[in-house]
Amino acid sequence: MAQNLNNCTITLSGDILNNNGKKRNLQSKFNGTPGKFFFLRLGLLLLSIIPIVGLPNAMCILERWKCKHTTIVGIPLQFEGKAGPLLKEMIKWFFFSIITVGVYAIFLLPIRVEQWRVANTVFGPVAGA
């Protein structure tokens, strides 16, 4: 017995087969290189020095690069976040940090940044499905 899911078949044994009956690659991997990551981070450090707009742009570029080089069970990730909406969130987070005398920044800001990052990360198109 098998179930059809997005032009793939999932068998009772848990295998995922494409239309040709071949097993799909179910490995999760990151294929970025240390050299490219180093120079990317160096460039983003310089970009983040630009007042106001630099940091949100740098964060989006970094997340886009990470997602481009990541696959989860054979499905690539895509980052759809934009710097403009992130800047609006950062202004809001800064305001909350000021009115709570830094308590928001210490305890909640890391969680809010991670929530924003994950909310803007989606699965990309599946090749060979």
N, C-alpha and C. Protein backbone atom coordinates (compact mmCIF):
# COMPACT_ATOMS: atom_id res chain seq x y z
N MET A 1 0.85 -1.18 0.00
CA MET A 1 0.00 0.00 0.00
C MET A 1 0.89 1.24 0.00
N ALA A 2 0.57 2.21 -0.81
CA ALA A 2 1.38 3.42 -0.91
C ALA A 2 0.47 4.64 -1.00
N GLN A 3 1.02 5.78 -0.65
CA GLN A 3 0.27 7.04 -0.70
C GLN A 3 1.00 7.99 -1.63
N ASN A 4 0.25 8.64 -2.53
CA ASN A 4 0.85 9.58 -3.46
C ASN A 4 0.90 10.96 -2.82
N LEU A 5 2.07 11.59 -2.84
CA LEU A 5 2.26 12.90 -2.22
C LEU A 5 3.12 13.76 -3.12
N ASN A 6 2.52 14.78 -3.75
CA ASN A 6 3.25 15.71 -4.62
C ASN A 6 4.11 14.98 -5.66
N ASN A 7 3.50 14.13 -6.44
CA ASN A 7 4.17 13.39 -7.50
C ASN A 7 5.23 12.43 -6.98
N CYS A 8 5.19 12.11 -5.72
CA CYS A 8 6.08 11.12 -5.12
C CYS A 8 5.21 10.08 -4.44
N THR A 9 5.77 8.93 -4.21
CA THR A 9 5.04 7.87 -3.54
C THR A 9 5.77 7.51 -2.25
N ILE A 10 5.04 7.48 -1.15
CA ILE A 10 5.60 7.06 0.12
C ILE A 10 5.09 5.66 0.39
N THR A 11 5.99 4.70 0.53
CA THR A 11 5.60 3.32 0.77
C THR A 11 5.46 3.06 2.26
N LEU A 12 4.90 1.92 2.62
CA LEU A 12 4.76 1.57 4.03
C LEU A 12 6.10 1.44 4.72
N SER A 13 7.14 1.13 3.96
CA SER A 13 8.47 1.00 4.57
C SER A 13 9.09 2.38 4.84
N GLY A 14 8.44 3.44 4.35
CA GLY A 14 8.93 4.80 4.60
C GLY A 14 9.78 5.34 3.47
N ASP A 15 9.98 4.56 2.40
CA ASP A 15 10.75 5.05 1.26
C ASP A 15 9.93 6.06 0.48
N ILE A 16 10.60 7.05 -0.08
CA ILE A 16 9.95 8.03 -0.94
C ILE A 16 10.47 7.79 -2.35
N LEU A 17 9.56 7.51 -3.27
CA LEU A 17 9.92 7.22 -4.65
C LEU A 17 9.38 8.32 -5.55
N ASN A 18 10.17 8.73 -6.56
CA ASN A 18 9.66 9.69 -7.53
C ASN A 18 8.85 8.95 -8.58
N ASN A 19 8.38 9.63 -9.61
CA ASN A 19 7.51 9.02 -10.61
C ASN A 19 8.19 7.88 -11.36
N ASN A 20 9.50 7.88 -11.43
CA ASN A 20 10.23 6.82 -12.12
C ASN A 20 10.47 5.61 -11.23
N GLY A 21 10.03 5.67 -9.99
CA GLY A 21 10.23 4.55 -9.07
C GLY A 21 11.59 4.57 -8.39
N LYS A 22 12.37 5.63 -8.58
CA LYS A 22 13.68 5.72 -7.95
C LYS A 22 13.56 6.37 -6.58
N LYS A 23 14.39 5.93 -5.64
CA LYS A 23 14.38 6.51 -4.30
C LYS A 23 14.94 7.92 -4.36
N ARG A 24 14.33 8.81 -3.59
CA ARG A 24 14.83 10.19 -3.49
C ARG A 24 15.92 10.26 -2.44
N ASN A 25 16.80 11.22 -2.61
CA ASN A 25 17.87 11.45 -1.67
C ASN A 25 17.31 12.08 -0.40
N LEU A 26 17.39 11.39 0.71
CA LEU A 26 16.79 11.87 1.95
C LEU A 26 17.83 12.36 2.95
N GLN A 27 18.99 12.74 2.47
CA GLN A 27 20.03 13.23 3.36
C GLN A 27 19.83 14.71 3.65
N SER A 28 20.16 15.10 4.87
CA SER A 28 20.22 16.52 5.23
C SER A 28 21.68 16.91 5.20
N LYS A 29 21.97 18.05 4.56
CA LYS A 29 23.38 18.45 4.48
C LYS A 29 23.51 19.95 4.31
N PHE A 30 24.70 20.42 4.62
CA PHE A 30 25.09 21.81 4.40
C PHE A 30 26.34 21.76 3.55
N ASN A 31 26.32 22.40 2.38
CA ASN A 31 27.47 22.31 1.48
C ASN A 31 28.22 23.62 1.30
N GLY A 32 28.09 24.55 2.23
CA GLY A 32 28.87 25.77 2.19
C GLY A 32 30.33 25.49 2.55
N THR A 33 31.24 26.33 2.08
CA THR A 33 32.66 26.11 2.37
C THR A 33 33.15 27.15 3.39
N PRO A 34 34.15 26.78 4.19
CA PRO A 34 34.66 27.71 5.19
C PRO A 34 35.22 28.99 4.59
N GLY A 35 35.90 28.90 3.45
CA GLY A 35 36.48 30.09 2.83
C GLY A 35 35.43 31.08 2.38
N LYS A 36 34.40 30.59 1.71
CA LYS A 36 33.33 31.48 1.26
C LYS A 36 32.58 32.07 2.44
N PHE A 37 32.38 31.26 3.48
CA PHE A 37 31.69 31.75 4.67
C PHE A 37 32.50 32.86 5.35
N PHE A 38 33.82 32.68 5.43
CA PHE A 38 34.67 33.70 6.04
C PHE A 38 34.59 35.02 5.29
N PHE A 39 34.74 34.97 3.96
CA PHE A 39 34.71 36.21 3.19
C PHE A 39 33.31 36.83 3.14
N LEU A 40 32.29 35.99 3.17
CA LEU A 40 30.92 36.51 3.27
C LEU A 40 30.75 37.27 4.57
N ARG A 41 31.17 36.67 5.68
CA ARG A 41 31.04 37.33 6.98
C ARG A 41 31.86 38.62 7.03
N LEU A 42 33.04 38.62 6.43
CA LEU A 42 33.86 39.83 6.38
C LEU A 42 33.15 40.94 5.62
N GLY A 43 32.58 40.62 4.47
CA GLY A 43 31.84 41.60 3.69
C GLY A 43 30.60 42.10 4.42
N LEU A 44 29.92 41.19 5.13
CA LEU A 44 28.72 41.57 5.86
C LEU A 44 29.05 42.43 7.07
N LEU A 45 30.22 42.21 7.65
CA LEU A 45 30.67 43.08 8.74
C LEU A 45 30.82 44.51 8.24
N LEU A 46 31.42 44.66 7.08
CA LEU A 46 31.57 46.00 6.49
C LEU A 46 30.21 46.60 6.14
N LEU A 47 29.31 45.78 5.62
CA LEU A 47 27.97 46.26 5.28
C LEU A 47 27.19 46.70 6.51
N SER A 48 27.35 45.97 7.60
CA SER A 48 26.57 46.28 8.81
C SER A 48 27.02 47.58 9.48
N ILE A 49 28.15 48.12 9.06
CA ILE A 49 28.61 49.40 9.60
C ILE A 49 27.74 50.55 9.11
N ILE A 50 27.12 50.39 7.94
CA ILE A 50 26.25 51.44 7.39
C ILE A 50 25.08 51.64 8.35
N PRO A 51 24.87 52.86 8.81
CA PRO A 51 23.81 53.10 9.78
C PRO A 51 22.42 52.70 9.27
N ILE A 52 21.65 52.14 10.13
CA ILE A 52 20.24 51.77 9.99
C ILE A 52 20.00 50.65 8.97
N VAL A 53 20.34 50.83 7.71
CA VAL A 53 19.99 49.85 6.70
C VAL A 53 21.01 48.72 6.56
N GLY A 54 22.19 48.90 7.04
CA GLY A 54 23.24 47.91 6.83
C GLY A 54 23.00 46.59 7.55
N LEU A 55 22.64 46.65 8.82
CA LEU A 55 22.47 45.43 9.61
C LEU A 55 21.32 44.55 9.11
N PRO A 56 20.12 45.09 8.85
CA PRO A 56 19.05 44.21 8.32
C PRO A 56 19.43 43.57 6.99
N ASN A 57 20.08 44.32 6.12
CA ASN A 57 20.51 43.76 4.84
C ASN A 57 21.55 42.66 5.04
N ALA A 58 22.49 42.88 5.94
CA ALA A 58 23.51 41.88 6.21
C ALA A 58 22.89 40.60 6.77
N MET A 59 21.92 40.75 7.68
CA MET A 59 21.26 39.57 8.25
C MET A 59 20.52 38.78 7.18
N CYS A 60 19.84 39.47 6.27
CA CYS A 60 19.10 38.78 5.21
C CYS A 60 20.05 38.09 4.23
N ILE A 61 21.14 38.72 3.89
CA ILE A 61 22.10 38.12 2.98
C ILE A 61 22.70 36.86 3.59
N LEU A 62 23.05 36.92 4.87
CA LEU A 62 23.62 35.75 5.55
C LEU A 62 22.63 34.60 5.61
N GLU A 63 21.40 34.88 5.98
CA GLU A 63 20.38 33.81 6.05
C GLU A 63 20.09 33.23 4.67
N ARG A 64 20.07 34.07 3.65
CA ARG A 64 19.83 33.59 2.29
C ARG A 64 20.96 32.65 1.85
N TRP A 65 22.21 33.00 2.19
CA TRP A 65 23.35 32.15 1.84
C TRP A 65 23.28 30.81 2.58
N LYS A 66 22.96 30.86 3.87
CA LYS A 66 22.86 29.62 4.65
C LYS A 66 21.79 28.70 4.07
N CYS A 67 20.62 29.25 3.75
CA CYS A 67 19.53 28.44 3.22
C CYS A 67 19.86 27.89 1.83
N LYS A 68 20.56 28.68 1.03
CA LYS A 68 20.94 28.25 -0.31
C LYS A 68 21.82 27.00 -0.26
N HIS A 69 22.60 26.86 0.79
CA HIS A 69 23.53 25.73 0.91
C HIS A 69 23.05 24.64 1.86
N THR A 70 21.75 24.65 2.21
CA THR A 70 21.21 23.67 3.15
C THR A 70 20.09 22.87 2.50
N THR A 71 20.13 21.56 2.69
CA THR A 71 19.00 20.71 2.30
C THR A 71 18.58 19.90 3.51
N ILE A 72 17.28 19.77 3.71
CA ILE A 72 16.71 18.98 4.79
C ILE A 72 15.96 17.82 4.13
N VAL A 73 16.34 16.62 4.44
CA VAL A 73 15.83 15.39 3.81
C VAL A 73 15.67 15.55 2.29
N GLY A 74 16.69 16.10 1.67
CA GLY A 74 16.72 16.24 0.22
C GLY A 74 15.97 17.43 -0.33
N ILE A 75 15.35 18.24 0.51
CA ILE A 75 14.59 19.40 0.05
C ILE A 75 15.38 20.67 0.40
N PRO A 76 15.67 21.51 -0.59
CA PRO A 76 16.44 22.73 -0.31
C PRO A 76 15.60 23.74 0.48
N LEU A 77 16.30 24.58 1.22
CA LEU A 77 15.64 25.66 1.95
C LEU A 77 15.74 26.95 1.15
N GLN A 78 14.79 27.84 1.36
CA GLN A 78 14.83 29.18 0.76
C GLN A 78 14.52 30.19 1.85
N PHE A 79 15.23 31.29 1.81
CA PHE A 79 14.96 32.37 2.75
C PHE A 79 14.25 33.47 2.00
N GLU A 80 13.07 33.88 2.48
CA GLU A 80 12.25 34.88 1.78
C GLU A 80 12.18 36.20 2.52
N GLY A 81 12.95 36.37 3.59
CA GLY A 81 12.92 37.59 4.36
C GLY A 81 13.50 38.77 3.59
N LYS A 82 12.98 39.94 3.87
CA LYS A 82 13.44 41.18 3.24
C LYS A 82 13.94 42.14 4.31
N ALA A 83 14.85 43.01 3.94
CA ALA A 83 15.46 43.94 4.89
C ALA A 83 14.46 44.98 5.41
N GLY A 84 13.54 45.43 4.57
CA GLY A 84 12.56 46.46 4.99
C GLY A 84 11.70 46.02 6.17
N PRO A 85 11.01 44.89 6.03
CA PRO A 85 10.22 44.42 7.17
C PRO A 85 11.08 44.11 8.41
N LEU A 86 12.30 43.62 8.18
CA LEU A 86 13.19 43.36 9.33
C LEU A 86 13.55 44.67 10.02
N LEU A 87 13.78 45.73 9.26
CA LEU A 87 14.10 47.03 9.85
C LEU A 87 12.94 47.51 10.72
N LYS A 88 11.71 47.34 10.25
CA LYS A 88 10.54 47.73 11.04
C LYS A 88 10.49 46.94 12.35
N GLU A 89 10.76 45.64 12.27
CA GLU A 89 10.79 44.81 13.48
C GLU A 89 11.90 45.27 14.42
N MET A 90 13.06 45.60 13.87
CA MET A 90 14.20 46.03 14.70
C MET A 90 13.88 47.34 15.43
N ILE A 91 13.18 48.24 14.76
CA ILE A 91 12.78 49.50 15.41
C ILE A 91 11.83 49.21 16.55
N LYS A 92 10.88 48.31 16.33
CA LYS A 92 9.94 47.91 17.38
C LYS A 92 10.68 47.26 18.55
N TRP A 93 11.62 46.36 18.24
CA TRP A 93 12.38 45.68 19.29
C TRP A 93 13.22 46.67 20.09
N PHE A 94 13.79 47.66 19.39
CA PHE A 94 14.59 48.68 20.07
C PHE A 94 13.71 49.50 21.02
N PHE A 95 12.51 49.86 20.56
CA PHE A 95 11.58 50.61 21.40
C PHE A 95 11.22 49.82 22.66
N PHE A 96 10.89 48.54 22.50
CA PHE A 96 10.56 47.71 23.66
C PHE A 96 11.75 47.56 24.60
N SER A 97 12.94 47.50 24.05
CA SER A 97 14.14 47.39 24.89
C SER A 97 14.33 48.65 25.72
N ILE A 98 14.05 49.80 25.13
CA ILE A 98 14.21 51.07 25.86
C ILE A 98 13.19 51.17 26.99
N ILE A 99 11.91 50.87 26.69
CA ILE A 99 10.89 51.07 27.72
C ILE A 99 10.95 50.01 28.82
N THR A 100 11.62 48.89 28.55
CA THR A 100 11.78 47.87 29.60
C THR A 100 13.17 47.90 30.22
N VAL A 101 13.92 48.95 29.96
CA VAL A 101 15.28 49.16 30.49
C VAL A 101 16.18 47.95 30.19
N GLY A 102 16.10 47.45 28.98
CA GLY A 102 16.98 46.38 28.53
C GLY A 102 16.52 44.97 28.83
N VAL A 103 15.48 44.79 29.61
CA VAL A 103 15.00 43.45 29.95
C VAL A 103 14.54 42.73 28.69
N TYR A 104 13.82 43.42 27.82
CA TYR A 104 13.36 42.83 26.56
C TYR A 104 14.55 42.35 25.72
N ALA A 105 15.59 43.17 25.63
CA ALA A 105 16.76 42.83 24.82
C ALA A 105 17.48 41.60 25.36
N ILE A 106 17.51 41.45 26.67
CA ILE A 106 18.23 40.33 27.26
C ILE A 106 17.46 39.03 27.12
N PHE A 107 16.18 39.05 27.44
CA PHE A 107 15.41 37.81 27.52
C PHE A 107 14.59 37.48 26.28
N LEU A 108 14.00 38.46 25.64
CA LEU A 108 13.07 38.18 24.55
C LEU A 108 13.64 38.44 23.15
N LEU A 109 14.57 39.35 23.01
CA LEU A 109 15.08 39.69 21.69
C LEU A 109 15.69 38.50 20.95
N PRO A 110 16.50 37.67 21.58
CA PRO A 110 17.03 36.51 20.83
C PRO A 110 15.92 35.59 20.31
N ILE A 111 14.87 35.43 21.08
CA ILE A 111 13.74 34.59 20.65
C ILE A 111 13.00 35.25 19.49
N ARG A 112 12.78 36.56 19.55
CA ARG A 112 12.08 37.28 18.47
C ARG A 112 12.87 37.23 17.16
N VAL A 113 14.18 37.37 17.25
CA VAL A 113 15.01 37.29 16.04
C VAL A 113 14.92 35.89 15.43
N GLU A 114 15.00 34.86 16.27
CA GLU A 114 14.90 33.49 15.77
C GLU A 114 13.52 33.21 15.19
N GLN A 115 12.46 33.72 15.82
CA GLN A 115 11.11 33.55 15.28
C GLN A 115 10.97 34.20 13.92
N TRP A 116 11.55 35.39 13.76
CA TRP A 116 11.49 36.08 12.47
C TRP A 116 12.26 35.28 11.42
N ARG A 117 13.43 34.78 11.79
CA ARG A 117 14.27 34.03 10.85
C ARG A 117 13.55 32.77 10.37
N VAL A 118 12.99 32.02 11.30
CA VAL A 118 12.31 30.77 10.95
C VAL A 118 11.02 31.04 10.16
N ALA A 119 10.29 32.10 10.52
CA ALA A 119 9.05 32.43 9.81
C ALA A 119 9.31 32.80 8.35
N ASN A 120 10.52 33.22 8.04
CA ASN A 120 10.86 33.62 6.68
C ASN A 120 11.68 32.57 5.94
N THR A 121 11.77 31.37 6.49
CA THR A 121 12.48 30.27 5.85
C THR A 121 11.46 29.22 5.43
N VAL A 122 11.50 28.86 4.16
CA VAL A 122 10.56 27.88 3.62
C VAL A 122 11.32 26.80 2.86
N PHE A 123 10.61 25.71 2.55
CA PHE A 123 11.19 24.68 1.70
C PHE A 123 11.12 25.16 0.26
N GLY A 124 12.20 24.95 -0.47
CA GLY A 124 12.26 25.35 -1.86
C GLY A 124 11.68 24.28 -2.76
N PRO A 125 11.77 24.48 -4.08
CA PRO A 125 11.25 23.49 -5.01
C PRO A 125 12.09 22.21 -4.95
N VAL A 126 11.42 21.09 -5.14
CA VAL A 126 12.09 19.80 -5.08
C VAL A 126 12.49 19.38 -6.48
N ALA A 127 13.78 19.20 -6.69
CA ALA A 127 14.27 18.79 -8.01
C ALA A 127 14.11 17.29 -8.19
N GLY A 128 13.64 16.88 -9.32
CA GLY A 128 13.53 15.46 -9.64
C GLY A 128 12.36 14.77 -8.97
N ALA A 129 11.39 15.53 -8.47
CA ALA A 129 10.24 14.89 -7.81
C ALA A 129 9.26 14.39 -8.82
